[in-house]
């Protein structure tokens, strides 16, 4: 997602200009990010009520969890422990 002059937007391409933050594409990660202030801190902005509602709506379309886990370096890798 990215903070633009018009607010916070979901940016799956990662190419929109502005201050960005990366979240795993699952509800668990998004829920955690929206509950605390980490997302606001990363984007260096306060989420408006409209931004929060739009992000929560987008989140509902994501899978609950994925079988991907971040590695020690923050890179997403496939979790093979469940295979």
N, C-alpha and C. Protein backbone atom coordinates (compact mmCIF):
# COMPACT_ATOMS: atom_id res chain seq x y z
N UNK A 1 0.83 -1.17 0.00
CA UNK A 1 0.00 0.00 0.00
C UNK A 1 0.88 1.23 0.00
N UNK A 2 0.26 2.34 -0.32
CA UNK A 2 1.04 3.57 -0.44
C UNK A 2 0.25 4.76 0.08
N UNK A 3 0.96 5.68 0.70
CA UNK A 3 0.37 6.94 1.13
C UNK A 3 0.56 7.94 -0.01
N UNK A 4 -0.54 8.47 -0.50
CA UNK A 4 -0.49 9.47 -1.56
C UNK A 4 -1.03 10.79 -1.01
N UNK A 5 -1.05 11.80 -1.83
CA UNK A 5 -1.60 13.09 -1.39
C UNK A 5 -3.10 13.00 -1.14
N UNK A 6 -3.74 11.96 -1.71
CA UNK A 6 -5.18 11.78 -1.56
C UNK A 6 -5.55 10.81 -0.44
N UNK A 7 -4.57 10.21 0.21
CA UNK A 7 -4.85 9.26 1.28
C UNK A 7 -4.04 7.98 1.09
N UNK A 8 -4.49 6.91 1.70
CA UNK A 8 -3.80 5.63 1.63
C UNK A 8 -4.52 4.75 0.62
N UNK A 9 -3.75 4.12 -0.27
CA UNK A 9 -4.33 3.28 -1.31
C UNK A 9 -3.61 1.93 -1.34
N UNK A 10 -4.38 0.92 -1.71
CA UNK A 10 -3.79 -0.40 -1.94
C UNK A 10 -3.08 -0.32 -3.29
N UNK A 11 -1.85 -0.80 -3.33
CA UNK A 11 -1.04 -0.75 -4.55
C UNK A 11 -0.37 -2.10 -4.80
N UNK A 12 -1.13 -3.06 -5.36
CA UNK A 12 -0.55 -4.38 -5.59
C UNK A 12 0.68 -4.36 -6.50
N UNK A 13 0.76 -3.37 -7.39
CA UNK A 13 1.90 -3.31 -8.30
C UNK A 13 3.16 -2.79 -7.61
N UNK A 14 3.00 -2.05 -6.52
CA UNK A 14 4.13 -1.46 -5.83
C UNK A 14 4.79 -0.34 -6.62
N UNK A 15 4.06 0.24 -7.57
CA UNK A 15 4.67 1.25 -8.44
C UNK A 15 4.12 2.66 -8.27
N UNK A 16 3.09 2.82 -7.44
CA UNK A 16 2.55 4.17 -7.24
C UNK A 16 3.55 5.01 -6.46
N UNK A 17 3.65 6.30 -6.78
CA UNK A 17 4.57 7.16 -6.03
C UNK A 17 4.01 7.47 -4.64
N UNK A 18 4.89 7.56 -3.69
CA UNK A 18 4.50 7.90 -2.33
C UNK A 18 5.19 6.99 -1.34
N UNK A 19 4.90 7.21 -0.07
CA UNK A 19 5.48 6.41 1.02
C UNK A 19 4.76 5.07 1.07
N UNK A 20 5.48 3.97 0.94
CA UNK A 20 4.85 2.66 0.84
C UNK A 20 5.11 1.75 2.02
N UNK A 21 4.28 0.72 2.12
CA UNK A 21 4.44 -0.34 3.12
C UNK A 21 3.99 -1.65 2.48
N UNK A 22 4.67 -2.73 2.81
CA UNK A 22 4.34 -4.05 2.27
C UNK A 22 3.69 -4.90 3.35
N UNK A 23 2.57 -5.55 2.99
CA UNK A 23 1.90 -6.47 3.89
C UNK A 23 1.72 -7.80 3.17
N UNK A 24 1.78 -8.89 3.90
CA UNK A 24 1.49 -10.20 3.31
C UNK A 24 0.05 -10.18 2.83
N UNK A 25 -0.24 -10.85 1.73
CA UNK A 25 -1.60 -10.82 1.18
C UNK A 25 -2.55 -11.79 1.89
N UNK A 26 -2.76 -11.55 3.19
CA UNK A 26 -3.72 -12.37 3.93
C UNK A 26 -4.36 -11.54 5.04
N UNK A 27 -5.55 -11.96 5.44
CA UNK A 27 -6.31 -11.21 6.45
C UNK A 27 -5.61 -11.14 7.79
N UNK A 28 -4.90 -12.19 8.15
CA UNK A 28 -4.21 -12.23 9.43
C UNK A 28 -3.19 -11.08 9.54
N UNK A 29 -2.39 -10.92 8.52
CA UNK A 29 -1.37 -9.87 8.52
C UNK A 29 -2.03 -8.48 8.49
N UNK A 30 -3.02 -8.33 7.62
CA UNK A 30 -3.69 -7.03 7.49
C UNK A 30 -4.41 -6.65 8.78
N UNK A 31 -5.05 -7.61 9.41
CA UNK A 31 -5.76 -7.34 10.66
C UNK A 31 -4.79 -6.84 11.73
N UNK A 32 -3.66 -7.51 11.84
CA UNK A 32 -2.64 -7.09 12.80
C UNK A 32 -2.15 -5.67 12.50
N UNK A 33 -1.92 -5.39 11.23
CA UNK A 33 -1.43 -4.07 10.84
C UNK A 33 -2.45 -2.97 11.12
N UNK A 34 -3.72 -3.27 10.90
CA UNK A 34 -4.76 -2.27 11.12
C UNK A 34 -5.13 -2.09 12.59
N UNK A 35 -4.89 -3.10 13.42
CA UNK A 35 -5.20 -3.01 14.84
C UNK A 35 -4.26 -2.07 15.58
N UNK A 36 -2.99 -2.18 15.32
CA UNK A 36 -2.00 -1.37 16.01
C UNK A 36 -1.74 -0.08 15.26
N UNK A 37 -0.65 0.57 15.60
CA UNK A 37 -0.28 1.79 14.89
C UNK A 37 0.94 1.60 14.01
N UNK A 38 1.35 0.34 13.81
CA UNK A 38 2.54 0.06 12.99
C UNK A 38 2.39 0.53 11.56
N UNK A 39 1.20 0.34 11.00
CA UNK A 39 0.97 0.76 9.63
C UNK A 39 1.03 2.27 9.51
N UNK A 40 0.41 2.97 10.44
CA UNK A 40 0.45 4.43 10.44
C UNK A 40 1.89 4.93 10.60
N UNK A 41 2.63 4.23 11.44
CA UNK A 41 4.03 4.59 11.66
C UNK A 41 4.85 4.37 10.39
N UNK A 42 4.64 3.22 9.72
CA UNK A 42 5.39 2.92 8.50
C UNK A 42 5.07 3.91 7.38
N UNK A 43 3.80 4.31 7.30
CA UNK A 43 3.39 5.24 6.25
C UNK A 43 3.57 6.70 6.67
N UNK A 44 3.92 6.90 7.94
CA UNK A 44 4.11 8.25 8.48
C UNK A 44 2.88 9.12 8.26
N UNK A 45 1.73 8.57 8.64
CA UNK A 45 0.47 9.30 8.51
C UNK A 45 -0.54 8.71 9.47
N UNK A 46 -1.61 9.41 9.70
CA UNK A 46 -2.73 8.90 10.48
C UNK A 46 -3.78 8.44 9.48
N UNK A 47 -4.28 7.21 9.66
CA UNK A 47 -5.30 6.70 8.76
C UNK A 47 -6.62 7.41 9.04
N UNK A 48 -7.22 7.95 7.98
CA UNK A 48 -8.54 8.55 8.14
C UNK A 48 -9.56 7.42 8.29
N UNK A 49 -10.73 7.76 8.74
CA UNK A 49 -11.79 6.74 8.87
C UNK A 49 -12.12 6.14 7.50
N UNK A 50 -12.12 6.97 6.45
CA UNK A 50 -12.38 6.47 5.09
C UNK A 50 -11.27 5.53 4.63
N UNK A 51 -10.01 5.88 4.91
CA UNK A 51 -8.88 5.01 4.56
C UNK A 51 -9.02 3.67 5.26
N UNK A 52 -9.31 3.71 6.55
CA UNK A 52 -9.42 2.49 7.35
C UNK A 52 -10.55 1.60 6.80
N UNK A 53 -11.70 2.18 6.49
CA UNK A 53 -12.82 1.41 5.95
C UNK A 53 -12.46 0.78 4.61
N UNK A 54 -11.79 1.53 3.74
CA UNK A 54 -11.40 1.00 2.43
C UNK A 54 -10.40 -0.14 2.58
N UNK A 55 -9.44 -0.01 3.50
CA UNK A 55 -8.44 -1.06 3.71
C UNK A 55 -9.09 -2.30 4.32
N UNK A 56 -10.03 -2.12 5.24
CA UNK A 56 -10.73 -3.25 5.84
C UNK A 56 -11.58 -3.97 4.79
N UNK A 57 -12.20 -3.22 3.90
CA UNK A 57 -12.99 -3.83 2.83
C UNK A 57 -12.09 -4.66 1.90
N UNK A 58 -10.94 -4.10 1.53
CA UNK A 58 -9.98 -4.83 0.70
C UNK A 58 -9.53 -6.11 1.41
N UNK A 59 -9.25 -5.99 2.71
CA UNK A 59 -8.76 -7.11 3.50
C UNK A 59 -9.75 -8.28 3.47
N UNK A 60 -11.05 -7.99 3.50
CA UNK A 60 -12.06 -9.06 3.52
C UNK A 60 -12.00 -9.92 2.26
N UNK A 61 -11.41 -9.41 1.18
CA UNK A 61 -11.28 -10.18 -0.05
C UNK A 61 -10.03 -11.04 -0.11
N UNK A 62 -9.18 -10.94 0.90
CA UNK A 62 -7.94 -11.72 0.95
C UNK A 62 -8.17 -13.04 1.67
N UNK A 63 -7.32 -14.06 1.40
CA UNK A 63 -7.43 -15.30 2.15
C UNK A 63 -7.11 -15.05 3.62
N UNK A 64 -7.67 -15.87 4.50
CA UNK A 64 -7.43 -15.68 5.94
C UNK A 64 -5.95 -15.80 6.28
N UNK A 65 -5.32 -16.86 5.81
CA UNK A 65 -3.87 -17.04 6.00
C UNK A 65 -3.31 -17.62 4.71
N UNK A 66 -2.00 -17.60 4.61
CA UNK A 66 -1.33 -18.24 3.48
C UNK A 66 -0.28 -19.17 4.03
N UNK A 67 0.29 -19.99 3.19
CA UNK A 67 1.35 -20.89 3.65
C UNK A 67 2.71 -20.26 3.38
N UNK A 68 2.76 -18.94 3.40
CA UNK A 68 4.03 -18.23 3.24
C UNK A 68 4.39 -17.59 4.56
N UNK A 69 5.67 -17.63 4.87
CA UNK A 69 6.16 -17.01 6.10
C UNK A 69 7.37 -16.15 5.77
N UNK A 70 7.55 -15.04 6.49
CA UNK A 70 8.73 -14.23 6.24
C UNK A 70 9.98 -14.92 6.77
N UNK A 71 11.05 -14.82 6.02
CA UNK A 71 12.33 -15.34 6.48
C UNK A 71 12.99 -14.35 7.43
N UNK A 72 14.15 -14.71 7.94
CA UNK A 72 14.86 -13.84 8.86
C UNK A 72 15.20 -12.49 8.23
N UNK A 73 15.34 -12.48 6.89
CA UNK A 73 15.69 -11.24 6.21
C UNK A 73 14.45 -10.47 5.75
N UNK A 74 13.24 -10.94 6.14
CA UNK A 74 12.02 -10.27 5.76
C UNK A 74 11.46 -10.68 4.42
N UNK A 75 12.18 -11.52 3.70
CA UNK A 75 11.72 -11.98 2.39
C UNK A 75 10.70 -13.08 2.60
N UNK A 76 9.62 -13.04 1.84
CA UNK A 76 8.60 -14.08 1.95
C UNK A 76 9.11 -15.33 1.26
N UNK A 77 8.99 -16.46 1.97
CA UNK A 77 9.38 -17.73 1.37
C UNK A 77 8.29 -18.74 1.64
N UNK A 78 8.28 -19.80 0.88
CA UNK A 78 7.26 -20.83 1.02
C UNK A 78 7.48 -21.62 2.30
N UNK A 79 6.40 -21.85 3.06
CA UNK A 79 6.47 -22.64 4.27
C UNK A 79 6.26 -24.10 3.90
N UNK A 80 7.31 -24.88 3.96
CA UNK A 80 7.22 -26.29 3.56
C UNK A 80 7.00 -27.21 4.75
N UNK A 81 6.88 -26.66 5.95
CA UNK A 81 6.71 -27.51 7.13
C UNK A 81 5.36 -28.22 7.14
N UNK A 82 4.38 -27.73 6.37
CA UNK A 82 3.05 -28.32 6.35
C UNK A 82 2.85 -29.24 5.15
N UNK A 83 3.88 -29.41 4.32
CA UNK A 83 3.75 -30.22 3.11
C UNK A 83 4.01 -31.67 3.41
